[in-house]
Amino acid sequence: MSTASYPHLVIDDGGNARIGRTRYKVIHLAAEHYHHGWSAEELLRQHGDLRPEEVYAALAYFYDHFDEFVAQMIREANEVDARRLPPPLSRDELLSRRNEVK
C-alpha cells in the first residue's frame, strides 16, 4: 500500500491539514465544497489568494479522507447546535407566563 503525498498541504501541530502556510484548513474548503457544492473553480473565485494546485490538493485530500471529514463536519455542526440559544418565546407564550405569575 502506498502513502499519498500532498505537496501543497501540511499537517499542523494540532493534526489539522492546512494549505501550505496559509490560514486555510482543508476542512474549511472541504465544507464549502460539500455543503454548498462549490467546485474547485468557485473555491478559487471565493479565495483569490489560493492557487489552483492548492485547491485541487485540498479536494484530493478531502476525498481521500472523505468519511473522516464528513464525520468531523457532523460533530462540529452538532456542537454548534448544542450551544445555540433556544428560539425566543412567542407573544402568546410570554402572556401565558405573565398570567401564571399573577
PDB file of N, CA and C in Angstrom:
ATOM      1  N   MET A   1       0.845  -1.179   0.000  1.00  0.00           N
ATOM      2  CA  MET A   1       0.000   0.000   0.000  1.00  0.00           C
ATOM      3  C   MET A   1       0.892   1.244   0.000  1.00  0.00           C
ATOM      4  N   SER A   2       0.627   2.166  -0.910  1.00  0.00           N
ATOM      5  CA  SER A   2       1.442   3.375  -0.977  1.00  0.00           C
ATOM      6  C   SER A   2       0.794   4.499  -0.177  1.00  0.00           C
ATOM      7  N   THR A   3       1.624   5.407   0.267  1.00  0.00           N
ATOM      8  CA  THR A   3       1.150   6.566   1.012  1.00  0.00           C
ATOM      9  C   THR A   3       1.036   7.733   0.049  1.00  0.00           C
ATOM     10  N   ALA A   4      -0.113   8.399   0.051  1.00  0.00           N
ATOM     11  CA  ALA A   4      -0.315   9.549  -0.820  1.00  0.00           C
ATOM     12  C   ALA A   4       0.505  10.725  -0.319  1.00  0.00           C
ATOM     13  N   SER A   5       0.955  11.534  -1.269  1.00  0.00           N
ATOM     14  CA  SER A   5       1.715  12.730  -0.930  1.00  0.00           C
ATOM     15  C   SER A   5       0.933  13.949  -1.400  1.00  0.00           C
ATOM     16  N   TYR A   6       0.890  14.947  -0.564  1.00  0.00           N
ATOM     17  CA  TYR A   6       0.173  16.180  -0.871  1.00  0.00           C
ATOM     18  C   TYR A   6       1.157  17.334  -0.707  1.00  0.00           C
ATOM     19  N   PRO A   7       1.899  17.666  -1.776  1.00  0.00           N
ATOM     20  CA  PRO A   7       2.978  18.651  -1.634  1.00  0.00           C
ATOM     21  C   PRO A   7       2.521  20.059  -1.269  1.00  0.00           C
ATOM     22  N   HIS A   8       1.263  20.393  -1.461  1.00  0.00           N
ATOM     23  CA  HIS A   8       0.786  21.744  -1.154  1.00  0.00           C
ATOM     24  C   HIS A   8       0.115  21.837   0.213  1.00  0.00           C
ATOM     25  N   LEU A   9       0.112  20.724   0.942  1.00  0.00           N
ATOM     26  CA  LEU A   9      -0.545  20.677   2.248  1.00  0.00           C
ATOM     27  C   LEU A   9       0.469  20.370   3.337  1.00  0.00           C
ATOM     28  N   VAL A  10       0.161  20.838   4.543  1.00  0.00           N
ATOM     29  CA  VAL A  10       0.964  20.499   5.719  1.00  0.00           C
ATOM     30  C   VAL A  10       0.004  20.074   6.827  1.00  0.00           C
ATOM     31  N   ILE A  11       0.500  19.268   7.720  1.00  0.00           N
ATOM     32  CA  ILE A  11      -0.265  18.886   8.903  1.00  0.00           C
ATOM     33  C   ILE A  11       0.305  19.703  10.062  1.00  0.00           C
ATOM     34  N   ASP A  12      -0.556  20.517  10.691  1.00  0.00           N
ATOM     35  CA  ASP A  12      -0.068  21.382  11.777  1.00  0.00           C
ATOM     36  C   ASP A  12       0.076  20.599  13.074  1.00  0.00           C
ATOM     37  N   ASP A  13       0.522  21.274  14.117  1.00  0.00           N
ATOM     38  CA  ASP A  13       0.759  20.621  15.414  1.00  0.00           C
ATOM     39  C   ASP A  13      -0.507  20.019  16.007  1.00  0.00           C
ATOM     40  N   GLY A  14      -1.662  20.564  15.638  1.00  0.00           N
ATOM     41  CA  GLY A  14      -2.934  20.041  16.130  1.00  0.00           C
ATOM     42  C   GLY A  14      -3.483  18.888  15.309  1.00  0.00           C
ATOM     43  N   GLY A  15      -2.747  18.482  14.268  1.00  0.00           N
ATOM     44  CA  GLY A  15      -3.182  17.377  13.420  1.00  0.00           C
ATOM     45  C   GLY A  15      -4.121  17.798  12.302  1.00  0.00           C
ATOM     46  N   ASN A  16      -4.261  19.110  12.090  1.00  0.00           N
ATOM     47  CA  ASN A  16      -5.136  19.619  11.035  1.00  0.00           C
ATOM     48  C   ASN A  16      -4.371  19.776   9.731  1.00  0.00           C
ATOM     49  N   ALA A  17      -4.978  19.315   8.645  1.00  0.00           N
ATOM     50  CA  ALA A  17      -4.375  19.526   7.325  1.00  0.00           C
ATOM     51  C   ALA A  17      -4.627  20.970   6.925  1.00  0.00           C
ATOM     52  N   ARG A  18      -3.568  21.650   6.507  1.00  0.00           N
ATOM     53  CA  ARG A  18      -3.648  23.050   6.096  1.00  0.00           C
ATOM     54  C   ARG A  18      -3.048  23.202   4.710  1.00  0.00           C
ATOM     55  N   ILE A  19      -3.475  24.262   4.049  1.00  0.00           N
ATOM     56  CA  ILE A  19      -2.920  24.569   2.740  1.00  0.00           C
ATOM     57  C   ILE A  19      -1.645  25.376   2.959  1.00  0.00           C
ATOM     58  N   GLY A  20      -0.523  24.735   2.776  1.00  0.00           N
ATOM     59  CA  GLY A  20       0.784  25.379   2.931  1.00  0.00           C
ATOM     60  C   GLY A  20       0.884  26.218   4.178  1.00  0.00           C
ATOM     61  N   ARG A  21       1.334  27.450   3.994  1.00  0.00           N
ATOM     62  CA  ARG A  21       1.482  28.377   5.123  1.00  0.00           C
ATOM     63  C   ARG A  21       0.325  29.366   5.177  1.00  0.00           C
ATOM     64  N   THR A  22      -0.769  29.033   4.540  1.00  0.00           N
ATOM     65  CA  THR A  22      -1.927  29.928   4.550  1.00  0.00           C
ATOM     66  C   THR A  22      -2.730  29.729   5.823  1.00  0.00           C
ATOM     67  N   ARG A  23      -3.768  30.537   5.958  1.00  0.00           N
ATOM     68  CA  ARG A  23      -4.652  30.433   7.125  1.00  0.00           C
ATOM     69  C   ARG A  23      -5.710  29.354   6.942  1.00  0.00           C
ATOM     70  N   TYR A  24      -5.757  28.745   5.761  1.00  0.00           N
ATOM     71  CA  TYR A  24      -6.835  27.819   5.436  1.00  0.00           C
ATOM     72  C   TYR A  24      -6.568  26.399   5.908  1.00  0.00           C
ATOM     73  N   LYS A  25      -7.552  25.855   6.606  1.00  0.00           N
ATOM     74  CA  LYS A  25      -7.552  24.425   6.900  1.00  0.00           C
ATOM     75  C   LYS A  25      -8.280  23.738   5.750  1.00  0.00           C
ATOM     76  N   VAL A  26      -7.883  22.523   5.454  1.00  0.00           N
ATOM     77  CA  VAL A  26      -8.542  21.762   4.397  1.00  0.00           C
ATOM     78  C   VAL A  26     -10.028  21.592   4.723  1.00  0.00           C
ATOM     79  N   ILE A  27     -10.371  21.408   6.003  1.00  0.00           N
ATOM     80  CA  ILE A  27     -11.773  21.233   6.396  1.00  0.00           C
ATOM     81  C   ILE A  27     -12.614  22.431   5.966  1.00  0.00           C
ATOM     82  N   HIS A  28     -12.027  23.618   5.959  1.00  0.00           N
ATOM     83  CA  HIS A  28     -12.739  24.833   5.563  1.00  0.00           C
ATOM     84  C   HIS A  28     -13.188  24.738   4.101  1.00  0.00           C
ATOM     85  N   LEU A  29     -12.249  24.419   3.206  1.00  0.00           N
ATOM     86  CA  LEU A  29     -12.597  24.290   1.793  1.00  0.00           C
ATOM     87  C   LEU A  29     -13.477  23.067   1.557  1.00  0.00           C
ATOM     88  N   ALA A  30     -13.193  21.992   2.281  1.00  0.00           N
ATOM     89  CA  ALA A  30     -13.994  20.772   2.131  1.00  0.00           C
ATOM     90  C   ALA A  30     -15.452  21.037   2.492  1.00  0.00           C
ATOM     91  N   ALA A  31     -15.679  21.807   3.550  1.00  0.00           N
ATOM     92  CA  ALA A  31     -17.050  22.118   3.971  1.00  0.00           C
ATOM     93  C   ALA A  31     -17.766  22.973   2.928  1.00  0.00           C
ATOM     94  N   GLU A  32     -17.064  23.941   2.355  1.00  0.00           N
ATOM     95  CA  GLU A  32     -17.685  24.768   1.316  1.00  0.00           C
ATOM     96  C   GLU A  32     -18.024  23.930   0.088  1.00  0.00           C
ATOM     97  N   HIS A  33     -17.141  23.015  -0.245  1.00  0.00           N
ATOM     98  CA  HIS A  33     -17.371  22.118  -1.377  1.00  0.00           C
ATOM     99  C   HIS A  33     -18.526  21.157  -1.087  1.00  0.00           C
ATOM    100  N   TYR A  34     -18.522  20.577   0.082  1.00  0.00           N
ATOM    101  CA  TYR A  34     -19.510  19.558   0.455  1.00  0.00           C
ATOM    102  C   TYR A  34     -20.897  20.166   0.696  1.00  0.00           C
ATOM    103  N   HIS A  35     -20.964  21.226   1.483  1.00  0.00           N
ATOM    104  CA  HIS A  35     -22.259  21.797   1.865  1.00  0.00           C
ATOM    105  C   HIS A  35     -22.850  22.721   0.799  1.00  0.00           C
ATOM    106  N   HIS A  36     -22.009  23.495   0.135  1.00  0.00           N
ATOM    107  CA  HIS A  36     -22.503  24.471  -0.838  1.00  0.00           C
ATOM    108  C   HIS A  36     -22.374  23.986  -2.280  1.00  0.00           C
ATOM    109  N   GLY A  37     -21.674  22.874  -2.479  1.00  0.00           N
ATOM    110  CA  GLY A  37     -21.493  22.350  -3.824  1.00  0.00           C
ATOM    111  C   GLY A  37     -20.516  23.151  -4.666  1.00  0.00           C
ATOM    112  N   TRP A  38     -19.653  23.937  -4.004  1.00  0.00           N
ATOM    113  CA  TRP A  38     -18.713  24.766  -4.750  1.00  0.00           C
ATOM    114  C   TRP A  38     -17.664  23.897  -5.444  1.00  0.00           C
ATOM    115  N   SER A  39     -17.471  24.150  -6.706  1.00  0.00           N
ATOM    116  CA  SER A  39     -16.448  23.458  -7.486  1.00  0.00           C
ATOM    117  C   SER A  39     -15.076  24.048  -7.138  1.00  0.00           C
ATOM    118  N   ALA A  40     -14.029  23.425  -7.673  1.00  0.00           N
ATOM    119  CA  ALA A  40     -12.683  23.965  -7.474  1.00  0.00           C
ATOM    120  C   ALA A  40     -12.603  25.383  -8.035  1.00  0.00           C
ATOM    121  N   GLU A  41     -13.238  25.604  -9.165  1.00  0.00           N
ATOM    122  CA  GLU A  41     -13.218  26.935  -9.776  1.00  0.00           C
ATOM    123  C   GLU A  41     -13.915  27.963  -8.889  1.00  0.00           C
ATOM    124  N   GLU A  42     -15.026  27.578  -8.266  1.00  0.00           N
ATOM    125  CA  GLU A  42     -15.730  28.504  -7.367  1.00  0.00           C
ATOM    126  C   GLU A  42     -14.908  28.748  -6.109  1.00  0.00           C
ATOM    127  N   LEU A  43     -14.260  27.730  -5.598  1.00  0.00           N
ATOM    128  CA  LEU A  43     -13.396  27.910  -4.427  1.00  0.00           C
ATOM    129  C   LEU A  43     -12.270  28.894  -4.757  1.00  0.00           C
ATOM    130  N   LEU A  44     -11.720  28.783  -5.945  1.00  0.00           N
ATOM    131  CA  LEU A  44     -10.675  29.715  -6.360  1.00  0.00           C
ATOM    132  C   LEU A  44     -11.216  31.133  -6.498  1.00  0.00           C
ATOM    133  N   ARG A  45     -12.424  31.251  -7.007  1.00  0.00           N
ATOM    134  CA  ARG A  45     -13.040  32.573  -7.134  1.00  0.00           C
ATOM    135  C   ARG A  45     -13.293  33.189  -5.760  1.00  0.00           C
ATOM    136  N   GLN A  46     -13.764  32.384  -4.824  1.00  0.00           N
ATOM    137  CA  GLN A  46     -14.073  32.860  -3.480  1.00  0.00           C
ATOM    138  C   GLN A  46     -12.814  33.144  -2.662  1.00  0.00           C
ATOM    139  N   HIS A  47     -11.751  32.447  -2.956  1.00  0.00           N
ATOM    140  CA  HIS A  47     -10.495  32.578  -2.206  1.00  0.00           C
ATOM    141  C   HIS A  47      -9.381  32.920  -3.195  1.00  0.00           C
ATOM    142  N   GLY A  48      -9.401  34.151  -3.637  1.00  0.00           N
ATOM    143  CA  GLY A  48      -8.476  34.610  -4.664  1.00  0.00           C
ATOM    144  C   GLY A  48      -7.005  34.517  -4.296  1.00  0.00           C
ATOM    145  N   ASP A  49      -6.702  34.324  -3.024  1.00  0.00           N
ATOM    146  CA  ASP A  49      -5.311  34.212  -2.598  1.00  0.00           C
ATOM    147  C   ASP A  49      -4.771  32.788  -2.717  1.00  0.00           C
ATOM    148  N   LEU A  50      -5.625  31.840  -3.120  1.00  0.00           N
ATOM    149  CA  LEU A  50      -5.169  30.456  -3.293  1.00  0.00           C
ATOM    150  C   LEU A  50      -4.854  30.187  -4.757  1.00  0.00           C
ATOM    151  N   ARG A  51      -3.949  29.238  -4.967  1.00  0.00           N
ATOM    152  CA  ARG A  51      -3.587  28.823  -6.320  1.00  0.00           C
ATOM    153  C   ARG A  51      -4.338  27.539  -6.675  1.00  0.00           C
ATOM    154  N   PRO A  52      -4.560  27.280  -7.958  1.00  0.00           N
ATOM    155  CA  PRO A  52      -5.289  26.063  -8.356  1.00  0.00           C
ATOM    156  C   PRO A  52      -4.710  24.785  -7.767  1.00  0.00           C
ATOM    157  N   GLU A  53      -3.399  24.660  -7.761  1.00  0.00           N
ATOM    158  CA  GLU A  53      -2.788  23.427  -7.244  1.00  0.00           C
ATOM    159  C   GLU A  53      -3.069  23.233  -5.752  1.00  0.00           C
ATOM    160  N   GLU A  54      -3.234  24.312  -5.018  1.00  0.00           N
ATOM    161  CA  GLU A  54      -3.557  24.216  -3.594  1.00  0.00           C
ATOM    162  C   GLU A  54      -4.996  23.739  -3.392  1.00  0.00           C
ATOM    163  N   VAL A  55      -5.908  24.297  -4.158  1.00  0.00           N
ATOM    164  CA  VAL A  55      -7.316  23.907  -4.040  1.00  0.00           C
ATOM    165  C   VAL A  55      -7.504  22.457  -4.460  1.00  0.00           C
ATOM    166  N   TYR A  56      -6.895  22.063  -5.573  1.00  0.00           N
ATOM    167  CA  TYR A  56      -7.041  20.677  -6.028  1.00  0.00           C
ATOM    168  C   TYR A  56      -6.397  19.698  -5.047  1.00  0.00           C
ATOM    169  N   ALA A  57      -5.282  20.080  -4.428  1.00  0.00           N
ATOM    170  CA  ALA A  57      -4.669  19.222  -3.406  1.00  0.00           C
ATOM    171  C   ALA A  57      -5.596  19.074  -2.210  1.00  0.00           C
ATOM    172  N   ALA A  58      -6.238  20.184  -1.802  1.00  0.00           N
ATOM    173  CA  ALA A  58      -7.165  20.134  -0.665  1.00  0.00           C
ATOM    174  C   ALA A  58      -8.350  19.231  -0.982  1.00  0.00           C
ATOM    175  N   LEU A  59      -8.893  19.344  -2.195  1.00  0.00           N
ATOM    176  CA  LEU A  59     -10.029  18.493  -2.568  1.00  0.00           C
ATOM    177  C   LEU A  59      -9.614  17.027  -2.681  1.00  0.00           C
ATOM    178  N   ALA A  60      -8.423  16.767  -3.194  1.00  0.00           N
ATOM    179  CA  ALA A  60      -7.933  15.383  -3.262  1.00  0.00           C
ATOM    180  C   ALA A  60      -7.803  14.803  -1.857  1.00  0.00           C
ATOM    181  N   TYR A  61      -7.252  15.593  -0.937  1.00  0.00           N
ATOM    182  CA  TYR A  61      -7.100  15.143   0.447  1.00  0.00           C
ATOM    183  C   TYR A  61      -8.470  14.895   1.078  1.00  0.00           C
ATOM    184  N   PHE A  62      -9.412  15.782   0.807  1.00  0.00           N
ATOM    185  CA  PHE A  62     -10.772  15.615   1.323  1.00  0.00           C
ATOM    186  C   PHE A  62     -11.364  14.291   0.849  1.00  0.00           C
ATOM    187  N   TYR A  63     -11.286  14.022  -0.445  1.00  0.00           N
ATOM    188  CA  TYR A  63     -11.880  12.787  -0.957  1.00  0.00           C
ATOM    189  C   TYR A  63     -11.111  11.547  -0.522  1.00  0.00           C
ATOM    190  N   ASP A  64      -9.817  11.682  -0.306  1.00  0.00           N
ATOM    191  CA  ASP A  64      -9.042  10.544   0.208  1.00  0.00           C
ATOM    192  C   ASP A  64      -9.366  10.243   1.664  1.00  0.00           C
ATOM    193  N   HIS A  65      -9.932  11.224   2.379  1.00  0.00           N
ATOM    194  CA  HIS A  65     -10.289  11.081   3.795  1.00  0.00           C
ATOM    195  C   HIS A  65     -11.765  11.456   4.011  1.00  0.00           C
ATOM    196  N   PHE A  66     -12.578  11.141   3.032  1.00  0.00           N
ATOM    197  CA  PHE A  66     -13.969  11.588   2.976  1.00  0.00           C
ATOM    198  C   PHE A  66     -14.755  11.275   4.247  1.00  0.00           C
ATOM    199  N   ASP A  67     -14.773  10.024   4.678  1.00  0.00           N
ATOM    200  CA  ASP A  67     -15.579   9.632   5.843  1.00  0.00           C
ATOM    201  C   ASP A  67     -15.147  10.384   7.105  1.00  0.00           C
ATOM    202  N   GLU A  68     -13.846  10.559   7.283  1.00  0.00           N
ATOM    203  CA  GLU A  68     -13.346  11.285   8.459  1.00  0.00           C
ATOM    204  C   GLU A  68     -13.793  12.749   8.433  1.00  0.00           C
ATOM    205  N   PHE A  69     -13.699  13.377   7.254  1.00  0.00           N
ATOM    206  CA  PHE A  69     -14.084  14.781   7.143  1.00  0.00           C
ATOM    207  C   PHE A  69     -15.582  14.970   7.360  1.00  0.00           C
ATOM    208  N   VAL A  70     -16.394  14.119   6.772  1.00  0.00           N
ATOM    209  CA  VAL A  70     -17.841  14.250   6.941  1.00  0.00           C
ATOM    210  C   VAL A  70     -18.215  14.026   8.398  1.00  0.00           C
ATOM    211  N   ALA A  71     -17.599  13.057   9.056  1.00  0.00           N
ATOM    212  CA  ALA A  71     -17.865  12.829  10.479  1.00  0.00           C
ATOM    213  C   ALA A  71     -17.477  14.053  11.300  1.00  0.00           C
ATOM    214  N   GLN A  72     -16.343  14.669  10.976  1.00  0.00           N
ATOM    215  CA  GLN A  72     -15.911  15.874  11.698  1.00  0.00           C
ATOM    216  C   GLN A  72     -16.896  17.021  11.466  1.00  0.00           C
ATOM    217  N   MET A  73     -17.371  17.193  10.226  1.00  0.00           N
ATOM    218  CA  MET A  73     -18.343  18.249   9.928  1.00  0.00           C
ATOM    219  C   MET A  73     -19.632  18.047  10.718  1.00  0.00           C
ATOM    220  N   ILE A  74     -20.082  16.802  10.812  1.00  0.00           N
ATOM    221  CA  ILE A  74     -21.308  16.495  11.563  1.00  0.00           C
ATOM    222  C   ILE A  74     -21.092  16.784  13.044  1.00  0.00           C
ATOM    223  N   ARG A  75     -19.960  16.354  13.598  1.00  0.00           N
ATOM    224  CA  ARG A  75     -19.638  16.622  15.008  1.00  0.00           C
ATOM    225  C   ARG A  75     -19.629  18.119  15.299  1.00  0.00           C
ATOM    226  N   GLU A  76     -18.967  18.877  14.453  1.00  0.00           N
ATOM    227  CA  GLU A  76     -18.872  20.322  14.666  1.00  0.00           C
ATOM    228  C   GLU A  76     -20.232  20.996  14.535  1.00  0.00           C
ATOM    229  N   ALA A  77     -21.066  20.542  13.600  1.00  0.00           N
ATOM    230  CA  ALA A  77     -22.412  21.106  13.458  1.00  0.00           C
ATOM    231  C   ALA A  77     -23.244  20.800  14.698  1.00  0.00           C
ATOM    232  N   ASN A  78     -23.108  19.592  15.243  1.00  0.00           N
ATOM    233  CA  ASN A  78     -23.849  19.228  16.454  1.00  0.00           C
ATOM    234  C   ASN A  78     -23.393  20.054  17.651  1.00  0.00           C
ATOM    235  N   GLU A  79     -22.100  20.335  17.728  1.00  0.00           N
ATOM    236  CA  GLU A  79     -21.584  21.168  18.822  1.00  0.00           C
ATOM    237  C   GLU A  79     -22.137  22.585  18.726  1.00  0.00           C
ATOM    238  N   VAL A  80     -22.223  23.118  17.535  1.00  0.00           N
ATOM    239  CA  VAL A  80     -22.786  24.459  17.339  1.00  0.00           C
ATOM    240  C   VAL A  80     -24.258  24.457  17.731  1.00  0.00           C
ATOM    241  N   ASP A  81     -24.992  23.442  17.298  1.00  0.00           N
ATOM    242  CA  ASP A  81     -26.416  23.348  17.644  1.00  0.00           C
ATOM    243  C   ASP A  81     -26.618  23.263  19.150  1.00  0.00           C
ATOM    244  N   ALA A  82     -25.735  22.553  19.842  1.00  0.00           N
ATOM    245  CA  ALA A  82     -25.868  22.401  21.290  1.00  0.00           C
ATOM    246  C   ALA A  82     -25.649  23.725  22.016  1.00  0.00           C
ATOM    247  N   ARG A  83     -24.849  24.602  21.446  1.00  0.00           N
ATOM    248  CA  ARG A  83     -24.570  25.903  22.072  1.00  0.00           C
ATOM    249  C   ARG A  83     -25.575  26.973  21.671  1.00  0.00           C
ATOM    250  N   ARG A  84     -26.389  26.664  20.687  1.00  0.00           N
ATOM    251  CA  ARG A  84     -27.341  27.654  20.182  1.00  0.00           C
ATOM    252  C   ARG A  84     -28.428  27.920  21.219  1.00  0.00           C
ATOM    253  N   LEU A  85     -28.819  29.164  21.369  1.00  0.00           N
ATOM    254  CA  LEU A  85     -29.885  29.529  22.294  1.00  0.00           C
ATOM    255  C   LEU A  85     -31.229  29.042  21.762  1.00  0.00           C
ATOM    256  N   PRO A  86     -32.157  28.740  22.662  1.00  0.00           N
ATOM    257  CA  PRO A  86     -33.483  28.336  22.188  1.00  0.00           C
ATOM    258  C   PRO A  86     -34.153  29.514  21.492  1.00  0.00           C
ATOM    259  N   PRO A  87     -35.133  29.228  20.626  1.00  0.00           N
ATOM    260  CA  PRO A  87     -35.812  30.330  19.935  1.00  0.00           C
ATOM    261  C   PRO A  87     -36.567  31.198  20.938  1.00  0.00           C
ATOM    262  N   PRO A  88     -36.739  32.483  20.628  1.00  0.00           N
ATOM    263  CA  PRO A  88     -37.457  33.357  21.559  1.00  0.00           C
ATOM    264  C   PRO A  88     -38.914  32.904  21.710  1.00  0.00           C
ATOM    265  N   LEU A  89     -39.472  33.218  22.852  1.00  0.00           N
ATOM    266  CA  LEU A  89     -40.865  32.855  23.115  1.00  0.00           C
ATOM    267  C   LEU A  89     -41.791  33.733  22.280  1.00  0.00           C
ATOM    268  N   SER A  90     -42.898  33.146  21.890  1.00  0.00           N
ATOM    269  CA  SER A  90     -43.890  33.914  21.139  1.00  0.00           C
ATOM    270  C   SER A  90     -44.634  34.855  22.090  1.00  0.00           C
ATOM    271  N   ARG A  91     -45.359  35.778  21.525  1.00  0.00           N
ATOM    272  CA  ARG A  91     -46.161  36.721  22.330  1.00  0.00           C
ATOM    273  C   ARG A  91     -47.146  35.968  23.218  1.00  0.00           C
ATOM    274  N   ASP A  92     -47.803  34.945  22.659  1.00  0.00           N
ATOM    275  CA  ASP A  92     -48.768  34.159  23.433  1.00  0.00           C
ATOM    276  C   ASP A  92     -48.101  33.436  24.603  1.00  0.00           C
ATOM    277  N   GLU A  93     -46.900  32.893  24.368  1.00  0.00           N
ATOM    278  CA  GLU A  93     -46.179  32.212  25.446  1.00  0.00           C
ATOM    279  C   GLU A  93     -45.792  33.196  26.553  1.00  0.00           C
ATOM    280  N   LEU A  94     -45.348  34.379  26.157  1.00  0.00           N
ATOM    281  CA  LEU A  94     -44.996  35.393  27.162  1.00  0.00           C
ATOM    282  C   LEU A  94     -46.208  35.824  27.971  1.00  0.00           C
ATOM    283  N   LEU A  95     -47.350  36.037  27.310  1.00  0.00           N
ATOM    284  CA  LEU A  95     -48.566  36.418  28.008  1.00  0.00           C
ATOM    285  C   LEU A  95     -49.037  35.310  28.944  1.00  0.00           C
ATOM    286  N   SER A  96     -48.910  34.072  28.488  1.00  0.00           N
ATOM    287  CA  SER A  96     -49.294  32.931  29.314  1.00  0.00           C
ATOM    288  C   SER A  96     -48.447  32.870  30.584  1.00  0.00           C
ATOM    289  N   ARG A  97     -47.143  33.076  30.443  1.00  0.00           N
ATOM    290  CA  ARG A  97     -46.251  33.098  31.609  1.00  0.00           C
ATOM    291  C   ARG A  97     -46.632  34.225  32.547  1.00  0.00           C
ATOM    292  N   ARG A  98     -46.927  35.394  32.015  1.00  0.00           N
ATOM    293  CA  ARG A  98     -47.291  36.524  32.847  1.00  0.00           C
ATOM    294  C   ARG A  98     -48.557  36.226  33.634  1.00  0.00           C
ATOM    295  N   ASN A  99     -49.519  35.568  33.015  1.00  0.00           N
ATOM    296  CA  ASN A  99     -50.775  35.228  33.677  1.00  0.00           C
ATOM    297  C   ASN A  99     -50.559  34.170  34.762  1.00  0.00           C
ATOM    298  N   GLU A 100     -49.577  33.276  34.579  1.00  0.00           N
ATOM    299  CA  GLU A 100     -49.263  32.255  35.578  1.00  0.00           C
ATOM    300  C   GLU A 100     -48.680  32.883  36.833  1.00  0.00           C
ATOM    301  N   VAL A 101     -47.931  33.949  36.675  1.00  0.00           N
ATOM    302  CA  VAL A 101     -47.282  34.629  37.809  1.00  0.00           C
ATOM    303  C   VAL A 101     -48.310  35.357  38.673  1.00  0.00           C
ATOM    304  N   LYS A 102     -49.359  35.864  38.078  1.00  0.00           N
ATOM    305  CA  LYS A 102     -50.366  36.653  38.824  1.00  0.00           C
ATOM    306  C   LYS A 102     -51.131  35.806  39.782  1.00  0.00           C
TER     307      LYS A 102
END
